[in-house]
Amino acid sequence: MSQKILVIEDDRRTADFLTKGLSDAGFVADRADDGRDGLFLATDGSYDAIVLDRMLPGMDGMAVLAALRAAKVQTPVLILSSLGTVDARVEGLTSGADDYLSKPFAFSELLARLKLLMARSVQAAPSVETVLACDDLEMNLLNRRVTRAGKRIELQPREFRLLEYLLRHKDQVVTRTMMLEGVWEYHFDPGTNVVDVHVSRLRRKVDDGFGRPLVHTVRGAGYMLGIGE
C-alpha cells in the first residue's frame, strides 16, 4: 500500500509541483489550499506525513500545527516556508513540527527529509497490544473474546472493562477509587458498593470451576489480579 502525504499549500504552482513530484515518487499525494481544509483532512489520521506551508489563508500553518498536536495527531509534519530565519525555524520546531525547510527548496531534499521522518515515525510507533493475559486467562481486545483454559467466558460490557483494567494492572493492588475512575469514569465516591458487586460477579465467572483463583481481595486496600501465593 502506498504511503499517503498531505500537502497543505496555497500557492498553486508549488502545490502542483509537490503533488506531481510525490506521485512520481510512488506516494499518494492529497492537497489542501487553505489551513481549515488542511486541518480537516489531517485530523482523520490516515496520512503518513504532512507538508505544511507556514503562511496560509483561513488559518495559518502554525495554528494548524497547534490544533493537530492538541488533538493528539502525531503525524510527522514538515513545515515549508519562505521564513527561513533561525528564529522562525526554532519557533516551528518547538511548536511541534518534526522538520523545517525554507523556500526555495530542492525537491530531492524535501523527499529525503520526508522519507526520514516517516521511517522514524514507524520505528517510534508503539506496538498495539491486542491480547492481555494472566496465567491461563486471556482477553482478545480485537474480537472481545475472553477465555480461561480455552473455555469461553461471557462477560457483560462493564465486566469486560473491569477485567481489562485488572489485566492491565496485573499483579498490582488496585483500590476501589482507582477502579471507579478507570472503569466507571467517576471522579467522586458515589457512595455505593458498585465496585464490590461487579468484582464479585466477575470473580464467579473468572474463578469458579477453574481451580486456582486469579481475583484476590487485598484486605483494607482493594483487589489484585494475579496467580497469588
Protein backbone atom coordinates (compact mmCIF):
# COMPACT_ATOMS: atom_id res chain seq x y z
CA MET A 1 0.00 0.00 0.00
CA SER A 2 1.36 3.41 -0.98
CA GLN A 3 2.15 5.89 1.76
CA LYS A 4 -0.09 8.96 1.88
CA ILE A 5 1.20 12.51 2.16
CA LEU A 6 -0.92 15.60 2.65
CA VAL A 7 0.30 18.86 1.09
CA ILE A 8 -1.21 21.98 2.66
CA GLU A 9 -0.05 24.78 0.38
CA ASP A 10 -1.95 27.78 -1.03
CA ASP A 11 0.46 28.59 -3.86
CA ARG A 12 -0.91 26.60 -6.80
CA ARG A 13 2.38 26.25 -8.68
CA THR A 14 4.17 24.99 -5.58
CA ALA A 15 1.33 22.63 -4.71
CA ASP A 16 1.23 21.25 -8.28
CA PHE A 17 4.99 20.78 -8.24
CA LEU A 18 4.90 18.96 -4.90
CA THR A 19 1.96 16.65 -5.61
CA LYS A 20 3.32 15.68 -9.02
CA GLY A 21 6.78 15.00 -7.63
CA LEU A 22 5.40 12.95 -4.74
CA SER A 23 3.11 10.98 -7.05
CA ASP A 24 6.03 10.26 -9.39
CA ALA A 25 7.99 9.05 -6.35
CA GLY A 26 5.26 6.49 -5.59
CA PHE A 27 3.29 8.29 -2.91
CA VAL A 28 -0.42 9.12 -2.77
CA ALA A 29 -0.47 12.91 -2.51
CA ASP A 30 -3.54 14.86 -1.42
CA ARG A 31 -3.65 18.62 -1.20
CA ALA A 32 -5.47 21.45 0.50
CA ASP A 33 -5.05 25.10 -0.38
CA ASP A 34 -6.07 26.69 2.94
CA GLY A 35 -5.49 25.98 6.59
CA ARG A 36 -9.02 24.99 7.57
CA ASP A 37 -9.39 22.40 4.81
CA GLY A 38 -5.92 21.12 5.57
CA LEU A 39 -6.72 20.70 9.25
CA PHE A 40 -9.95 18.86 8.40
CA LEU A 41 -8.10 16.39 6.19
CA ALA A 42 -5.16 15.99 8.56
CA THR A 43 -7.23 15.09 11.61
CA ASP A 44 -8.52 11.82 10.16
CA GLY A 45 -5.11 10.31 10.93
CA SER A 46 -4.71 8.48 7.62
CA TYR A 47 -1.60 10.33 6.44
CA ASP A 48 1.98 9.16 6.87
CA ALA A 49 3.36 12.72 6.67
CA ILE A 50 2.21 16.30 6.16
CA VAL A 51 3.93 19.10 4.24
CA LEU A 52 2.61 22.31 5.78
CA ASP A 53 3.09 25.82 4.42
CA ARG A 54 3.50 28.30 7.20
CA MET A 55 1.52 31.20 5.72
CA LEU A 56 -1.96 30.06 4.66
CA PRO A 57 -5.33 31.73 4.17
CA GLY A 58 -8.17 30.92 6.55
CA MET A 59 -5.89 29.52 9.23
CA ASP A 60 -2.13 29.91 9.25
CA GLY A 61 0.23 26.97 9.37
CA MET A 62 1.29 27.47 12.97
CA ALA A 63 -2.36 27.42 14.09
CA VAL A 64 -2.95 24.24 12.06
CA LEU A 65 0.07 22.65 13.71
CA ALA A 66 -1.07 23.66 17.18
CA ALA A 67 -4.55 22.27 16.55
CA LEU A 68 -3.16 18.96 15.29
CA ARG A 69 -0.93 18.46 18.30
CA ALA A 70 -3.71 19.50 20.68
CA ALA A 71 -5.87 16.80 19.08
CA LYS A 72 -3.08 14.24 19.69
CA VAL A 73 -2.43 13.79 15.97
CA GLN A 74 1.21 12.70 15.85
CA THR A 75 1.63 12.54 12.06
CA PRO A 76 5.12 13.84 11.12
CA VAL A 77 4.91 17.46 9.91
CA LEU A 78 7.46 19.18 7.69
CA ILE A 79 6.96 22.94 7.62
CA LEU A 80 7.67 24.58 4.28
CA SER A 81 8.12 28.35 4.50
CA SER A 82 9.70 31.38 2.95
CA LEU A 83 10.51 32.44 6.52
CA GLY A 84 13.94 30.92 6.85
CA THR A 85 15.47 32.78 9.77
CA VAL A 86 16.85 30.86 12.71
CA ASP A 87 14.10 32.27 14.95
CA ALA A 88 11.39 31.16 12.50
CA ARG A 89 12.83 27.64 12.28
CA VAL A 90 13.18 27.36 16.04
CA GLU A 91 9.60 28.54 16.54
CA GLY A 92 8.31 25.95 14.09
CA LEU A 93 10.26 23.07 15.61
CA THR A 94 9.42 23.96 19.21
CA SER A 95 5.73 24.26 18.27
CA GLY A 96 5.54 20.60 17.26
CA ALA A 97 6.93 20.38 13.73
CA ASP A 98 9.27 17.47 13.01
CA ASP A 99 11.31 19.32 10.37
CA TYR A 100 11.52 22.74 8.72
CA LEU A 101 12.54 23.51 5.15
CA SER A 102 12.92 27.01 3.75
CA LYS A 103 11.76 28.14 0.31
CA PRO A 104 13.15 27.96 -2.30
CA PHE A 105 13.91 24.29 -1.88
CA ALA A 106 15.17 21.32 -3.86
CA PHE A 107 12.55 18.61 -4.25
CA SER A 108 15.20 15.92 -3.75
CA GLU A 109 15.98 17.33 -0.31
CA LEU A 110 12.31 17.58 0.65
CA LEU A 111 11.77 13.97 -0.45
CA ALA A 112 14.77 12.75 1.53
CA ARG A 113 13.58 14.56 4.65
CA LEU A 114 10.05 13.15 4.32
CA LYS A 115 11.34 9.60 3.94
CA LEU A 116 13.49 10.03 7.04
CA LEU A 117 10.58 11.41 9.05
CA MET A 118 8.30 8.56 8.04
CA ALA A 119 10.96 5.95 8.81
CA ARG A 120 11.47 7.43 12.28
CA SER A 121 7.72 7.53 12.86
CA VAL A 122 7.35 3.84 12.06
CA GLN A 123 10.24 2.93 14.37
CA ALA A 124 8.82 5.05 17.19
CA ALA A 125 5.25 3.78 16.86
CA PRO A 126 4.35 1.65 19.89
CA SER A 127 3.24 -1.89 19.20
CA VAL A 128 -0.51 -2.29 19.55
CA GLU A 129 -1.42 -4.71 22.32
CA THR A 130 -4.25 -6.98 21.20
CA VAL A 131 -4.15 -9.76 23.81
CA LEU A 132 -3.99 -9.42 27.60
CA ALA A 133 -3.27 -12.49 29.71
CA CYS A 134 -2.75 -13.77 33.23
CA ASP A 135 -1.89 -17.43 33.67
CA ASP A 136 -4.48 -19.34 31.57
CA LEU A 137 -6.85 -16.34 31.36
CA GLU A 138 -6.77 -14.50 28.04
CA MET A 139 -8.61 -11.45 26.70
CA ASN A 140 -8.56 -10.68 22.98
CA LEU A 141 -9.18 -6.94 22.58
CA LEU A 142 -9.96 -7.21 18.85
CA ASN A 143 -12.81 -9.70 18.94
CA ARG A 144 -13.60 -9.09 22.65
CA ARG A 145 -13.29 -12.80 23.41
CA VAL A 146 -12.34 -13.90 26.93
CA THR A 147 -11.23 -17.45 27.69
CA ARG A 148 -9.75 -19.36 30.60
CA ALA A 149 -8.06 -22.69 29.99
CA GLY A 150 -9.53 -22.47 26.49
CA LYS A 151 -13.13 -22.14 27.76
CA ARG A 152 -15.16 -19.13 26.64
CA ILE A 153 -16.26 -16.72 29.38
CA GLU A 154 -19.23 -14.48 28.58
CA LEU A 155 -18.95 -11.01 30.11
CA GLN A 156 -21.24 -8.00 30.19
CA PRO A 157 -19.68 -4.77 28.81
CA ARG A 158 -18.91 -3.38 32.28
CA GLU A 159 -17.44 -6.69 33.40
CA PHE A 160 -15.25 -6.70 30.29
CA ARG A 161 -13.95 -3.20 31.07
CA LEU A 162 -13.32 -4.17 34.68
CA LEU A 163 -11.38 -7.30 33.70
CA GLU A 164 -9.41 -5.31 31.11
CA TYR A 165 -8.46 -2.79 33.79
CA LEU A 166 -7.37 -5.53 36.18
CA LEU A 167 -5.36 -7.28 33.45
CA ARG A 168 -3.59 -4.03 32.57
CA HIS A 169 -2.65 -3.75 36.28
CA LYS A 170 -1.82 -7.42 36.70
CA ASP A 171 -0.05 -8.28 39.97
CA GLN A 172 -0.73 -4.78 41.28
CA VAL A 173 -3.10 -3.78 44.07
CA VAL A 174 -5.83 -1.56 42.66
CA THR A 175 -8.01 0.44 45.01
CA ARG A 176 -11.74 0.98 44.68
CA THR A 177 -11.07 4.63 43.86
CA MET A 178 -8.76 3.62 41.02
CA MET A 179 -11.42 1.31 39.59
CA LEU A 180 -14.16 3.92 39.93
CA GLU A 181 -12.04 6.32 37.89
CA GLY A 182 -10.62 3.81 35.41
CA VAL A 183 -13.73 1.73 34.72
CA TRP A 184 -16.73 3.91 35.62
CA GLU A 185 -15.03 7.26 34.98
CA TYR A 186 -16.28 8.55 38.32
CA HIS A 187 -14.12 11.23 39.87
CA PHE A 188 -16.07 11.14 43.12
CA ASP A 189 -17.28 8.49 45.54
CA PRO A 190 -20.84 7.52 44.51
CA GLY A 191 -21.46 6.16 47.99
CA THR A 192 -22.36 2.67 46.77
CA ASN A 193 -20.68 -0.74 46.70
CA VAL A 194 -20.80 -0.87 42.89
CA VAL A 195 -17.15 -1.93 42.66
CA ASP A 196 -17.51 -4.81 45.12
CA VAL A 197 -20.67 -6.06 43.43
CA HIS A 198 -19.07 -6.12 39.98
CA VAL A 199 -15.84 -7.68 41.24
CA SER A 200 -17.88 -10.40 42.95
CA ARG A 201 -19.73 -11.17 39.71
CA LEU A 202 -16.51 -11.14 37.73
CA ARG A 203 -14.78 -13.41 40.25
CA ARG A 204 -17.54 -16.02 39.89
CA LYS A 205 -17.15 -16.05 36.11
CA VAL A 206 -13.35 -15.99 36.03
CA ASP A 207 -12.52 -18.24 39.00
CA ASP A 208 -15.40 -20.65 39.73
CA GLY A 209 -14.66 -24.10 38.35
CA PHE A 210 -11.09 -23.32 37.30
CA GLY A 211 -9.20 -24.35 40.43
CA ARG A 212 -6.59 -21.67 41.11
CA PRO A 213 -8.18 -18.26 41.87
CA LEU A 214 -6.91 -15.22 39.98
CA VAL A 215 -9.03 -12.42 41.50
CA HIS A 216 -7.87 -11.68 45.04
CA THR A 217 -9.19 -9.36 47.74
CA VAL A 218 -6.46 -7.35 49.43
CA ARG A 219 -7.94 -6.57 52.81
CA GLY A 220 -8.14 -2.87 53.56
CA ALA A 221 -6.70 -1.92 50.15
CA GLY A 222 -8.66 -3.24 47.18
CA TYR A 223 -8.20 -6.06 44.70
CA MET A 224 -5.47 -7.71 42.68
CA LEU A 225 -5.49 -9.93 39.62
CA GLY A 226 -2.69 -12.46 39.63
CA ILE A 227 -1.60 -16.01 40.40
CA GLY A 228 -1.06 -15.12 44.07
CA GLU A 229 0.83 -17.21 46.52
